[in-house]
Structure formats: C-alpha cells, structure tokens
Amino acid sequence: MTEYEKMEQGQLYDPGDEDIMREQRKYQDGLWVFNQLKPTDLAAKEKYMKETFASCGDNCYIELPFYANWGGRNVHFGSGVYANFNLVLVDDGNIYVGDRVMIGPNVTIATANHPLEPELRAKGLQINRDVVIGENAWLGAGVIIVPGVTIGKNAVIGAGSVVTRDIPDNALAVGNPARVLRIIETENK
C-alpha cells in the first residue's frame, strides 16, 4: 500500500512522501494565487472554493489571508459559511462545515495528528482525524479545534477556546480545554 493510500484510508503514513508532496504542492500554489485576490474579487474567490474544495455550497465567503495544508482540497463547506481573517485549516484529513457556520478571526481547525511514541514521531509520521462542525455553529476569535472533534449544530464556542472533545448541539462551550457552560434553550438565547 502506498503512503498516499494510507493517508486516504486514515492510517499512519509519511506526509513527506514524494508522491504526496507533489500532489500537495499543486494545491499550495493555487492557494498562494487565491491569497493574492482583491477583497472585491468575489467571483474569483467563489470560483476557487467551488473548484478546489471537496465541496462548497452557495454564498460562502473567506476573508484573506487563508491558510490550508492542501489549499482546501479536503474541506467541505455547506452554504452560507463565513470565515474571518487568518483561518488556518490543517486539511490533511476532511473538515466538514455545515450551513451558516460563522468562523471568527484567527481560528485553527486541525485534522493532522502525530504519534505519541517518540520513535514514530521522529520518522515524521502522522494520522488524520476528520473534524465536523454542525450547521449554525459559531466559532469565536482564536478558537482551536483539534483532530477528531465534532461540534454540534447551533453550538457556540467562545473566543480563545481550545476544543479537545466533542461538543453537543445547542451548547455554549468556553475555555482551555473547552467545557460546556450550558445548553442554549429558547428562553435564554
């Protein structure tokens, strides 16, 4: 099995493999061009997201600059997604973002993870874990989401929080690590 196949199947793999790097560089070059666009060049921004992302709904917008290991190749945006400045997507694995998600400035969403065993880590190996963000979620400024986390629909993650475990639907979570403060109900919205 090739390193690329291992990566695609969610197994431990070498991200520095030449076949992987050759493919990834194409996306990185495309991302560099995307980051040179004028803020008013909405059609070109949309074109990039529709052509490069794994999937992208309608009316999505990303403030530049935008950073992604694979240029967004493994990103799945629903419709109406808004991302503020300096979004960092470590998209070695899949990142699923539901409809109408709001992402504050300086947010990092990571899918790449490295082994705890120092011998494997010294070899530069990694394993990817998908991240899922439910519809209508709001990620405040500076939020960090680690690999393998699911954030429920309508959840709000407070600014500066580090999300290390799943967050349920309709939850307000804050802190490092992020903890659920309460469930957002109709009477306390």
N, C-alpha and C. Protein backbone atom coordinates (compact mmCIF):
# COMPACT_ATOMS: atom_id res chain seq x y z
N MET A 1 0.85 -1.18 0.00
CA MET A 1 0.00 0.00 0.00
C MET A 1 0.90 1.25 0.00
N THR A 2 0.56 2.21 -0.84
CA THR A 2 1.36 3.44 -0.91
C THR A 2 1.06 4.34 0.27
N GLU A 3 1.95 5.29 0.51
CA GLU A 3 1.73 6.27 1.58
C GLU A 3 0.47 7.09 1.29
N TYR A 4 0.24 7.41 0.03
CA TYR A 4 -0.95 8.18 -0.36
C TYR A 4 -2.22 7.38 -0.02
N GLU A 5 -2.22 6.10 -0.31
CA GLU A 5 -3.37 5.25 0.02
C GLU A 5 -3.58 5.16 1.53
N LYS A 6 -2.49 5.06 2.28
CA LYS A 6 -2.60 5.06 3.74
C LYS A 6 -3.23 6.35 4.23
N MET A 7 -2.79 7.48 3.68
CA MET A 7 -3.34 8.78 4.05
C MET A 7 -4.84 8.81 3.77
N GLU A 8 -5.23 8.39 2.57
CA GLU A 8 -6.64 8.41 2.17
C GLU A 8 -7.51 7.50 3.03
N GLN A 9 -6.92 6.44 3.57
CA GLN A 9 -7.67 5.47 4.38
C GLN A 9 -7.58 5.73 5.88
N GLY A 10 -6.99 6.86 6.26
CA GLY A 10 -6.94 7.22 7.67
C GLY A 10 -5.96 6.41 8.49
N GLN A 11 -4.91 5.91 7.86
CA GLN A 11 -3.89 5.14 8.56
C GLN A 11 -2.65 6.01 8.82
N LEU A 12 -1.77 5.51 9.67
CA LEU A 12 -0.49 6.18 9.92
C LEU A 12 0.30 6.19 8.62
N TYR A 13 0.84 7.35 8.25
CA TYR A 13 1.54 7.48 6.97
C TYR A 13 2.64 8.53 7.06
N ASP A 14 3.45 8.59 6.00
CA ASP A 14 4.54 9.56 5.92
C ASP A 14 4.09 10.73 5.04
N PRO A 15 3.77 11.91 5.63
CA PRO A 15 3.31 13.04 4.83
C PRO A 15 4.40 13.65 3.95
N GLY A 16 5.66 13.27 4.19
CA GLY A 16 6.75 13.76 3.36
C GLY A 16 7.03 12.90 2.14
N ASP A 17 6.21 11.88 1.93
CA ASP A 17 6.35 11.01 0.76
C ASP A 17 6.31 11.87 -0.50
N GLU A 18 7.17 11.59 -1.45
CA GLU A 18 7.31 12.43 -2.65
C GLU A 18 6.02 12.49 -3.47
N ASP A 19 5.28 11.40 -3.58
CA ASP A 19 4.01 11.43 -4.32
C ASP A 19 3.00 12.35 -3.64
N ILE A 20 2.95 12.27 -2.33
CA ILE A 20 2.04 13.14 -1.57
C ILE A 20 2.48 14.59 -1.73
N MET A 21 3.76 14.86 -1.57
CA MET A 21 4.26 16.24 -1.67
C MET A 21 4.02 16.82 -3.06
N ARG A 22 4.21 16.03 -4.09
CA ARG A 22 3.99 16.50 -5.47
C ARG A 22 2.54 16.94 -5.65
N GLU A 23 1.62 16.15 -5.14
CA GLU A 23 0.19 16.49 -5.24
C GLU A 23 -0.14 17.71 -4.39
N GLN A 24 0.38 17.74 -3.17
CA GLN A 24 0.08 18.84 -2.25
C GLN A 24 0.61 20.17 -2.76
N ARG A 25 1.75 20.18 -3.38
CA ARG A 25 2.35 21.44 -3.88
C ARG A 25 1.45 22.13 -4.89
N LYS A 26 0.73 21.36 -5.70
CA LYS A 26 -0.20 21.97 -6.67
C LYS A 26 -1.27 22.78 -5.95
N TYR A 27 -1.78 22.21 -4.87
CA TYR A 27 -2.81 22.92 -4.10
C TYR A 27 -2.23 24.12 -3.38
N GLN A 28 -1.01 24.00 -2.88
CA GLN A 28 -0.38 25.12 -2.19
C GLN A 28 -0.13 26.28 -3.14
N ASP A 29 0.27 25.97 -4.38
CA ASP A 29 0.45 27.03 -5.38
C ASP A 29 -0.87 27.72 -5.69
N GLY A 30 -1.94 26.94 -5.81
CA GLY A 30 -3.26 27.52 -6.05
C GLY A 30 -3.72 28.40 -4.91
N LEU A 31 -3.42 27.99 -3.69
CA LEU A 31 -3.78 28.78 -2.51
C LEU A 31 -3.02 30.11 -2.50
N TRP A 32 -1.76 30.09 -2.91
CA TRP A 32 -0.99 31.33 -2.96
C TRP A 32 -1.67 32.32 -3.91
N VAL A 33 -2.12 31.85 -5.07
CA VAL A 33 -2.82 32.71 -6.03
C VAL A 33 -4.12 33.24 -5.41
N PHE A 34 -4.85 32.38 -4.74
CA PHE A 34 -6.10 32.78 -4.07
C PHE A 34 -5.86 33.91 -3.08
N ASN A 35 -4.78 33.81 -2.31
CA ASN A 35 -4.49 34.82 -1.30
C ASN A 35 -4.04 36.16 -1.88
N GLN A 36 -3.80 36.22 -3.19
CA GLN A 36 -3.43 37.48 -3.83
C GLN A 36 -4.66 38.22 -4.37
N LEU A 37 -5.83 37.61 -4.28
CA LEU A 37 -7.04 38.23 -4.83
C LEU A 37 -7.42 39.49 -4.04
N LYS A 38 -8.03 40.42 -4.74
CA LYS A 38 -8.56 41.62 -4.09
C LYS A 38 -9.80 41.24 -3.28
N PRO A 39 -10.07 41.95 -2.19
CA PRO A 39 -11.26 41.66 -1.40
C PRO A 39 -12.56 41.73 -2.22
N THR A 40 -12.56 42.57 -3.25
CA THR A 40 -13.78 42.74 -4.06
C THR A 40 -13.90 41.72 -5.18
N ASP A 41 -12.92 40.86 -5.37
CA ASP A 41 -12.97 39.88 -6.45
C ASP A 41 -13.75 38.64 -6.00
N LEU A 42 -15.03 38.86 -5.74
CA LEU A 42 -15.89 37.82 -5.19
C LEU A 42 -16.04 36.62 -6.12
N ALA A 43 -16.14 36.88 -7.41
CA ALA A 43 -16.33 35.79 -8.37
C ALA A 43 -15.12 34.85 -8.38
N ALA A 44 -13.91 35.42 -8.33
CA ALA A 44 -12.70 34.59 -8.33
C ALA A 44 -12.58 33.80 -7.02
N LYS A 45 -12.97 34.42 -5.90
CA LYS A 45 -12.95 33.71 -4.62
C LYS A 45 -13.89 32.51 -4.67
N GLU A 46 -15.09 32.76 -5.14
CA GLU A 46 -16.08 31.69 -5.21
C GLU A 46 -15.61 30.58 -6.16
N LYS A 47 -15.04 30.97 -7.28
CA LYS A 47 -14.54 30.00 -8.26
C LYS A 47 -13.49 29.10 -7.62
N TYR A 48 -12.56 29.68 -6.89
CA TYR A 48 -11.53 28.89 -6.23
C TYR A 48 -12.15 27.88 -5.27
N MET A 49 -13.07 28.34 -4.41
CA MET A 49 -13.67 27.44 -3.43
C MET A 49 -14.46 26.33 -4.11
N LYS A 50 -15.21 26.65 -5.14
CA LYS A 50 -16.02 25.64 -5.85
C LYS A 50 -15.13 24.63 -6.57
N GLU A 51 -13.99 25.07 -7.11
CA GLU A 51 -13.12 24.17 -7.86
C GLU A 51 -12.13 23.41 -6.99
N THR A 52 -11.71 23.99 -5.87
CA THR A 52 -10.65 23.39 -5.07
C THR A 52 -11.19 22.60 -3.89
N PHE A 53 -12.17 23.14 -3.18
CA PHE A 53 -12.70 22.45 -2.01
C PHE A 53 -13.34 21.13 -2.43
N ALA A 54 -13.38 20.19 -1.51
CA ALA A 54 -14.03 18.91 -1.79
C ALA A 54 -15.51 19.14 -2.13
N SER A 55 -16.11 20.09 -1.42
CA SER A 55 -17.47 20.54 -1.74
C SER A 55 -17.66 21.93 -1.14
N CYS A 56 -18.46 22.74 -1.81
CA CYS A 56 -18.70 24.11 -1.34
C CYS A 56 -20.09 24.54 -1.79
N GLY A 57 -20.93 24.88 -0.82
CA GLY A 57 -22.27 25.35 -1.12
C GLY A 57 -22.25 26.77 -1.66
N ASP A 58 -23.41 27.39 -1.66
CA ASP A 58 -23.55 28.74 -2.18
C ASP A 58 -23.33 29.78 -1.08
N ASN A 59 -22.97 30.99 -1.52
CA ASN A 59 -22.84 32.15 -0.64
C ASN A 59 -21.84 31.95 0.50
N CYS A 60 -20.69 31.37 0.18
CA CYS A 60 -19.61 31.21 1.16
C CYS A 60 -18.58 32.32 0.94
N TYR A 61 -17.96 32.76 2.02
CA TYR A 61 -17.00 33.84 1.92
C TYR A 61 -15.88 33.63 2.92
N ILE A 62 -14.66 33.82 2.46
CA ILE A 62 -13.47 33.75 3.31
C ILE A 62 -12.71 35.05 3.19
N GLU A 63 -12.49 35.71 4.33
CA GLU A 63 -11.61 36.89 4.35
C GLU A 63 -10.18 36.39 4.19
N LEU A 64 -9.39 37.09 3.43
CA LEU A 64 -8.00 36.70 3.22
C LEU A 64 -7.10 37.42 4.22
N PRO A 65 -6.00 36.80 4.65
CA PRO A 65 -5.44 35.57 4.14
C PRO A 65 -6.10 34.33 4.73
N PHE A 66 -5.95 33.23 4.00
CA PHE A 66 -6.48 31.92 4.34
C PHE A 66 -5.35 30.92 4.17
N TYR A 67 -5.21 30.01 5.10
CA TYR A 67 -4.13 29.02 5.05
C TYR A 67 -4.70 27.61 5.15
N ALA A 68 -4.19 26.70 4.33
CA ALA A 68 -4.62 25.31 4.38
C ALA A 68 -3.52 24.44 3.79
N ASN A 69 -3.20 23.36 4.48
CA ASN A 69 -2.14 22.47 4.02
C ASN A 69 -2.37 21.98 2.59
N TRP A 70 -3.63 21.69 2.28
CA TRP A 70 -3.99 21.18 0.96
C TRP A 70 -4.83 22.21 0.20
N GLY A 71 -4.76 23.47 0.56
CA GLY A 71 -5.46 24.53 -0.16
C GLY A 71 -6.96 24.46 -0.06
N GLY A 72 -7.47 23.55 0.78
CA GLY A 72 -8.91 23.36 0.90
C GLY A 72 -9.41 22.09 0.23
N ARG A 73 -8.52 21.32 -0.34
CA ARG A 73 -8.88 20.09 -1.07
C ARG A 73 -9.76 19.16 -0.25
N ASN A 74 -9.56 19.09 1.06
CA ASN A 74 -10.32 18.19 1.93
C ASN A 74 -11.34 18.93 2.80
N VAL A 75 -11.76 20.10 2.32
CA VAL A 75 -12.71 20.93 3.05
C VAL A 75 -14.09 20.80 2.40
N HIS A 76 -15.10 20.63 3.23
CA HIS A 76 -16.49 20.51 2.77
C HIS A 76 -17.28 21.63 3.44
N PHE A 77 -17.58 22.68 2.69
CA PHE A 77 -18.38 23.80 3.20
C PHE A 77 -19.83 23.61 2.77
N GLY A 78 -20.75 23.84 3.71
CA GLY A 78 -22.15 23.93 3.35
C GLY A 78 -22.39 25.29 2.73
N SER A 79 -23.64 25.74 2.71
CA SER A 79 -23.97 27.05 2.16
C SER A 79 -23.94 28.11 3.26
N GLY A 80 -23.62 29.35 2.86
CA GLY A 80 -23.67 30.47 3.78
C GLY A 80 -22.59 30.47 4.84
N VAL A 81 -21.46 29.83 4.59
CA VAL A 81 -20.36 29.80 5.56
C VAL A 81 -19.57 31.10 5.44
N TYR A 82 -19.28 31.72 6.59
CA TYR A 82 -18.45 32.92 6.63
C TYR A 82 -17.23 32.64 7.50
N ALA A 83 -16.05 32.94 6.97
CA ALA A 83 -14.80 32.79 7.73
C ALA A 83 -14.04 34.11 7.71
N ASN A 84 -13.67 34.58 8.88
CA ASN A 84 -12.94 35.83 9.02
C ASN A 84 -11.45 35.61 8.74
N PHE A 85 -10.65 36.68 8.90
CA PHE A 85 -9.22 36.68 8.57
C PHE A 85 -8.44 35.57 9.27
N ASN A 86 -7.39 35.11 8.59
CA ASN A 86 -6.41 34.18 9.16
C ASN A 86 -6.97 32.82 9.55
N LEU A 87 -7.92 32.32 8.79
CA LEU A 87 -8.41 30.97 9.02
C LEU A 87 -7.30 29.99 8.64
N VAL A 88 -6.98 29.06 9.55
CA VAL A 88 -5.98 28.03 9.30
C VAL A 88 -6.69 26.68 9.34
N LEU A 89 -6.66 25.98 8.21
CA LEU A 89 -7.25 24.65 8.11
C LEU A 89 -6.14 23.65 7.82
N VAL A 90 -5.83 22.82 8.78
CA VAL A 90 -4.86 21.75 8.58
C VAL A 90 -5.69 20.61 7.97
N ASP A 91 -5.88 20.72 6.66
CA ASP A 91 -6.85 19.86 5.97
C ASP A 91 -6.22 18.62 5.35
N ASP A 92 -5.31 17.99 6.07
CA ASP A 92 -4.77 16.72 5.62
C ASP A 92 -5.88 15.66 5.64
N GLY A 93 -6.78 15.77 6.60
CA GLY A 93 -8.00 14.96 6.66
C GLY A 93 -9.18 15.84 6.29
N ASN A 94 -10.37 15.29 6.34
CA ASN A 94 -11.57 16.04 5.97
C ASN A 94 -12.04 16.97 7.07
N ILE A 95 -12.49 18.15 6.66
CA ILE A 95 -13.11 19.12 7.55
C ILE A 95 -14.49 19.40 6.98
N TYR A 96 -15.53 19.05 7.75
CA TYR A 96 -16.91 19.24 7.33
C TYR A 96 -17.50 20.41 8.09
N VAL A 97 -17.94 21.43 7.36
CA VAL A 97 -18.50 22.65 7.96
C VAL A 97 -19.93 22.79 7.44
N GLY A 98 -20.90 22.79 8.35
CA GLY A 98 -22.31 22.84 7.97
C GLY A 98 -22.75 24.20 7.47
N ASP A 99 -23.99 24.26 7.05
CA ASP A 99 -24.59 25.50 6.56
C ASP A 99 -24.58 26.59 7.64
N ARG A 100 -24.36 27.82 7.18
CA ARG A 100 -24.47 29.03 8.01
C ARG A 100 -23.54 29.04 9.23
N VAL A 101 -22.40 28.41 9.12
CA VAL A 101 -21.41 28.45 10.20
C VAL A 101 -20.65 29.76 10.11
N MET A 102 -20.42 30.39 11.26
CA MET A 102 -19.63 31.62 11.35
C MET A 102 -18.31 31.30 12.05
N ILE A 103 -17.22 31.70 11.41
CA ILE A 103 -15.88 31.42 11.94
C ILE A 103 -15.17 32.75 12.17
N GLY A 104 -14.81 33.01 13.41
CA GLY A 104 -14.14 34.26 13.76
C GLY A 104 -12.71 34.32 13.25
N PRO A 105 -12.03 35.46 13.47
CA PRO A 105 -10.64 35.60 13.01
C PRO A 105 -9.70 34.69 13.81
N ASN A 106 -8.62 34.30 13.14
CA ASN A 106 -7.53 33.54 13.78
C ASN A 106 -7.95 32.18 14.33
N VAL A 107 -8.88 31.53 13.65
CA VAL A 107 -9.33 30.20 14.05
C VAL A 107 -8.45 29.16 13.37
N THR A 108 -8.13 28.09 14.11
CA THR A 108 -7.37 26.96 13.57
C THR A 108 -8.19 25.69 13.75
N ILE A 109 -8.34 24.95 12.65
CA ILE A 109 -9.01 23.65 12.69
C ILE A 109 -8.01 22.64 12.14
N ALA A 110 -7.60 21.68 12.98
CA ALA A 110 -6.56 20.74 12.60
C ALA A 110 -7.10 19.32 12.51
N THR A 111 -6.68 18.60 11.47
CA THR A 111 -7.02 17.18 11.33
C THR A 111 -5.80 16.29 11.48
N ALA A 112 -4.60 16.84 11.33
CA ALA A 112 -3.38 16.04 11.37
C ALA A 112 -2.94 15.82 12.82
N ASN A 113 -2.61 14.58 13.12
CA ASN A 113 -2.15 14.22 14.45
C ASN A 113 -0.87 13.41 14.31
N HIS A 114 -0.03 13.45 15.33
CA HIS A 114 1.24 12.74 15.29
C HIS A 114 1.28 11.73 16.43
N PRO A 115 2.03 10.64 16.26
CA PRO A 115 2.09 9.59 17.28
C PRO A 115 2.69 10.09 18.59
N LEU A 116 2.24 9.49 19.68
CA LEU A 116 2.83 9.78 20.98
C LEU A 116 4.21 9.13 21.13
N GLU A 117 4.40 8.01 20.45
CA GLU A 117 5.67 7.29 20.53
C GLU A 117 6.77 8.11 19.86
N PRO A 118 7.83 8.46 20.57
CA PRO A 118 8.87 9.32 20.00
C PRO A 118 9.56 8.73 18.77
N GLU A 119 9.69 7.40 18.72
CA GLU A 119 10.35 6.78 17.56
C GLU A 119 9.55 7.02 16.28
N LEU A 120 8.23 6.88 16.37
CA LEU A 120 7.37 7.11 15.20
C LEU A 120 7.33 8.59 14.85
N ARG A 121 7.26 9.43 15.87
CA ARG A 121 7.22 10.87 15.64
C ARG A 121 8.51 11.35 14.99
N ALA A 122 9.64 10.75 15.39
CA ALA A 122 10.94 11.12 14.81
C ALA A 122 10.99 10.80 13.31
N LYS A 123 10.19 9.84 12.89
CA LYS A 123 10.11 9.50 11.47
C LYS A 123 9.19 10.44 10.70
N GLY A 124 8.54 11.36 11.42
CA GLY A 124 7.67 12.34 10.77
C GLY A 124 6.31 11.79 10.39
N LEU A 125 5.89 10.67 10.98
CA LEU A 125 4.62 10.07 10.62
C LEU A 125 3.44 10.84 11.21
N GLN A 126 2.30 10.69 10.57
CA GLN A 126 1.09 11.31 11.09
C GLN A 126 -0.12 10.47 10.72
N ILE A 127 -1.22 10.77 11.40
CA ILE A 127 -2.51 10.15 11.12
C ILE A 127 -3.55 11.26 11.17
N ASN A 128 -4.52 11.20 10.29
CA ASN A 128 -5.51 12.27 10.21
C ASN A 128 -6.85 11.83 10.81
N ARG A 129 -7.50 12.76 11.48
CA ARG A 129 -8.81 12.53 12.07
C ARG A 129 -9.73 13.67 11.63
N ASP A 130 -10.84 13.31 11.00
CA ASP A 130 -11.77 14.31 10.48
C ASP A 130 -12.36 15.18 11.59
N VAL A 131 -12.72 16.40 11.22
CA VAL A 131 -13.40 17.34 12.11
C VAL A 131 -14.75 17.66 11.48
N VAL A 132 -15.79 17.71 12.31
CA VAL A 132 -17.14 18.02 11.85
C VAL A 132 -17.68 19.19 12.66
N ILE A 133 -18.21 20.20 11.96
CA ILE A 133 -18.83 21.36 12.61
C ILE A 133 -20.26 21.45 12.09
N GLY A 134 -21.22 21.35 12.99
CA GLY A 134 -22.63 21.33 12.62
C GLY A 134 -23.15 22.68 12.15
N GLU A 135 -24.27 22.64 11.49
CA GLU A 135 -24.89 23.85 10.94
C GLU A 135 -25.17 24.88 12.04
N ASN A 136 -25.10 26.14 11.65
CA ASN A 136 -25.38 27.28 12.52
C ASN A 136 -24.42 27.43 13.71
N ALA A 137 -23.31 26.71 13.71
CA ALA A 137 -22.34 26.88 14.79
C ALA A 137 -21.60 28.21 14.63
N TRP A 138 -21.08 28.71 15.73
CA TRP A 138 -20.31 29.95 15.72
C TRP A 138 -19.02 29.68 16.50
N LEU A 139 -17.89 29.86 15.81
CA LEU A 139 -16.58 29.71 16.43
C LEU A 139 -16.01 31.10 16.66
N GLY A 140 -15.82 31.48 17.90
CA GLY A 140 -15.32 32.81 18.21
C GLY A 140 -13.86 32.98 17.81
N ALA A 141 -13.37 34.19 17.94
CA ALA A 141 -12.00 34.54 17.56
C ALA A 141 -10.99 33.66 18.29
N GLY A 142 -10.00 33.18 17.56
CA GLY A 142 -8.90 32.45 18.15
C GLY A 142 -9.21 31.04 18.63
N VAL A 143 -10.32 30.48 18.22
CA VAL A 143 -10.67 29.11 18.62
C VAL A 143 -9.71 28.13 17.93
N ILE A 144 -9.34 27.09 18.65
CA ILE A 144 -8.54 25.99 18.11
C ILE A 144 -9.33 24.71 18.28
N ILE A 145 -9.45 23.96 17.18
CA ILE A 145 -10.15 22.67 17.21
C ILE A 145 -9.14 21.60 16.83
N VAL A 146 -8.99 20.60 17.69
CA VAL A 146 -8.00 19.55 17.47
C VAL A 146 -8.61 18.41 16.65
N PRO A 147 -7.76 17.51 16.12
CA PRO A 147 -8.24 16.43 15.26
C PRO A 147 -9.29 15.54 15.92
N GLY A 148 -10.27 15.13 15.10
CA GLY A 148 -11.26 14.16 15.53
C GLY A 148 -12.46 14.71 16.27
N VAL A 149 -12.56 16.02 16.42
CA VAL A 149 -13.64 16.63 17.19
C VAL A 149 -14.88 16.87 16.33
N THR A 150 -16.05 16.69 16.94
CA THR A 150 -17.33 17.06 16.33
C THR A 150 -17.96 18.14 17.19
N ILE A 151 -18.37 19.22 16.54
CA ILE A 151 -19.09 20.31 17.22
C ILE A 151 -20.52 20.27 16.70
N GLY A 152 -21.48 20.20 17.60
CA GLY A 152 -22.88 20.06 17.24
C GLY A 152 -23.47 21.29 16.59
N LYS A 153 -24.64 21.08 15.99
CA LYS A 153 -25.34 22.19 15.34
C LYS A 153 -25.76 23.22 16.39
N ASN A 154 -25.75 24.47 15.97
CA ASN A 154 -26.13 25.62 16.81
C ASN A 154 -25.21 25.87 17.99
N ALA A 155 -24.10 25.16 18.07
CA ALA A 155 -23.17 25.35 19.19
C ALA A 155 -22.42 26.67 19.04
N VAL A 156 -22.03 27.24 20.16
CA VAL A 156 -21.23 28.46 20.20
C VAL A 156 -19.96 28.14 20.99
N ILE A 157 -18.81 28.41 20.36
CA ILE A 157 -17.53 28.18 21.03
C ILE A 157 -16.91 29.54 21.31
N GLY A 158 -16.71 29.85 22.58
CA GLY A 158 -16.22 31.16 22.99
C GLY A 158 -14.81 31.45 22.50
N ALA A 159 -14.53 32.73 22.32
CA ALA A 159 -13.23 33.19 21.83
C ALA A 159 -12.10 32.60 22.66
N GLY A 160 -11.04 32.17 21.97
CA GLY A 160 -9.84 31.66 22.62
C GLY A 160 -9.94 30.24 23.14
N SER A 161 -11.06 29.58 22.93
CA SER A 161 -11.24 28.22 23.44
C SER A 161 -10.45 27.21 22.63
N VAL A 162 -10.04 26.13 23.30
CA VAL A 162 -9.36 25.01 22.65
C VAL A 162 -10.28 23.80 22.80
N VAL A 163 -10.82 23.35 21.68
CA VAL A 163 -11.80 22.27 21.69
C VAL A 163 -11.07 20.95 21.50
N THR A 164 -11.06 20.14 22.57
CA THR A 164 -10.33 18.87 22.57
C THR A 164 -11.26 17.66 22.59
N ARG A 165 -12.56 17.90 22.71
CA ARG A 165 -13.53 16.80 22.72
C ARG A 165 -14.83 17.29 22.10
N ASP A 166 -15.71 16.36 21.76
CA ASP A 166 -16.96 16.69 21.10
C ASP A 166 -17.81 17.64 21.95
N ILE A 167 -18.51 18.53 21.23
CA ILE A 167 -19.41 19.48 21.87
C ILE A 167 -20.81 19.18 21.34
N PRO A 168 -21.83 19.04 22.22
CA PRO A 168 -23.17 18.68 21.75
C PRO A 168 -23.89 19.83 21.04
N ASP A 169 -24.99 19.50 20.39
CA ASP A 169 -25.85 20.50 19.76
C ASP A 169 -26.26 21.54 20.79
N ASN A 170 -26.43 22.78 20.34
CA ASN A 170 -27.01 23.88 21.14
C ASN A 170 -26.22 24.20 22.40
N ALA A 171 -24.94 23.87 22.44
CA ALA A 171 -24.14 24.10 23.63
C ALA A 171 -23.32 25.38 23.51
N LEU A 172 -23.13 26.05 24.63
CA LEU A 172 -22.18 27.15 24.75
C LEU A 172 -20.98 26.58 25.48
N ALA A 173 -19.81 26.56 24.81
CA ALA A 173 -18.60 25.99 25.40
C ALA A 173 -17.48 27.02 25.36
N VAL A 174 -16.69 27.07 26.43
CA VAL A 174 -15.57 28.02 26.52
C VAL A 174 -14.42 27.38 27.28
N GLY A 175 -13.23 27.94 27.10
CA GLY A 175 -12.08 27.58 27.92
C GLY A 175 -11.06 26.71 27.23
N ASN A 176 -10.03 26.36 28.02
CA ASN A 176 -8.95 25.51 27.55
C ASN A 176 -8.68 24.46 28.63
N PRO A 177 -9.14 23.24 28.41
CA PRO A 177 -9.94 22.78 27.28
C PRO A 177 -11.38 23.30 27.37
N ALA A 178 -12.02 23.41 26.22
CA ALA A 178 -13.40 23.93 26.18
C ALA A 178 -14.32 23.00 26.97
N ARG A 179 -15.14 23.64 27.80
CA ARG A 179 -16.14 22.91 28.59
C ARG A 179 -17.51 23.53 28.32
N VAL A 180 -18.52 22.69 28.31
CA VAL A 180 -19.88 23.17 28.09
C VAL A 180 -20.33 23.93 29.33
N LEU A 181 -20.70 25.21 29.14
CA LEU A 181 -21.24 26.01 30.24
C LEU A 181 -22.72 25.77 30.43
N ARG A 182 -23.41 25.68 29.29
CA ARG A 182 -24.85 25.44 29.35
C ARG A 182 -25.36 25.10 27.96
N ILE A 183 -26.57 24.60 27.93
CA ILE A 183 -27.28 24.35 26.67
C ILE A 183 -28.11 25.59 26.38
N ILE A 184 -28.02 26.06 25.16
CA ILE A 184 -28.75 27.25 24.74
C ILE A 184 -30.18 26.84 24.41
N GLU A 185 -31.13 27.31 25.21
CA GLU A 185 -32.53 26.98 25.02
C GLU A 185 -33.27 28.23 24.57
N THR A 186 -34.45 28.06 24.07
CA THR A 186 -35.24 29.16 23.53
C THR A 186 -35.35 30.31 24.52
N GLU A 187 -35.58 30.02 25.80
CA GLU A 187 -35.79 31.09 26.77
C GLU A 187 -34.52 31.84 27.14
N ASN A 188 -33.33 31.30 26.85
CA ASN A 188 -32.11 32.02 27.23
C ASN A 188 -31.20 32.34 26.06
N LYS A 189 -31.77 32.42 24.86
CA LYS A 189 -30.97 32.74 23.69
C LYS A 189 -30.57 34.20 23.73
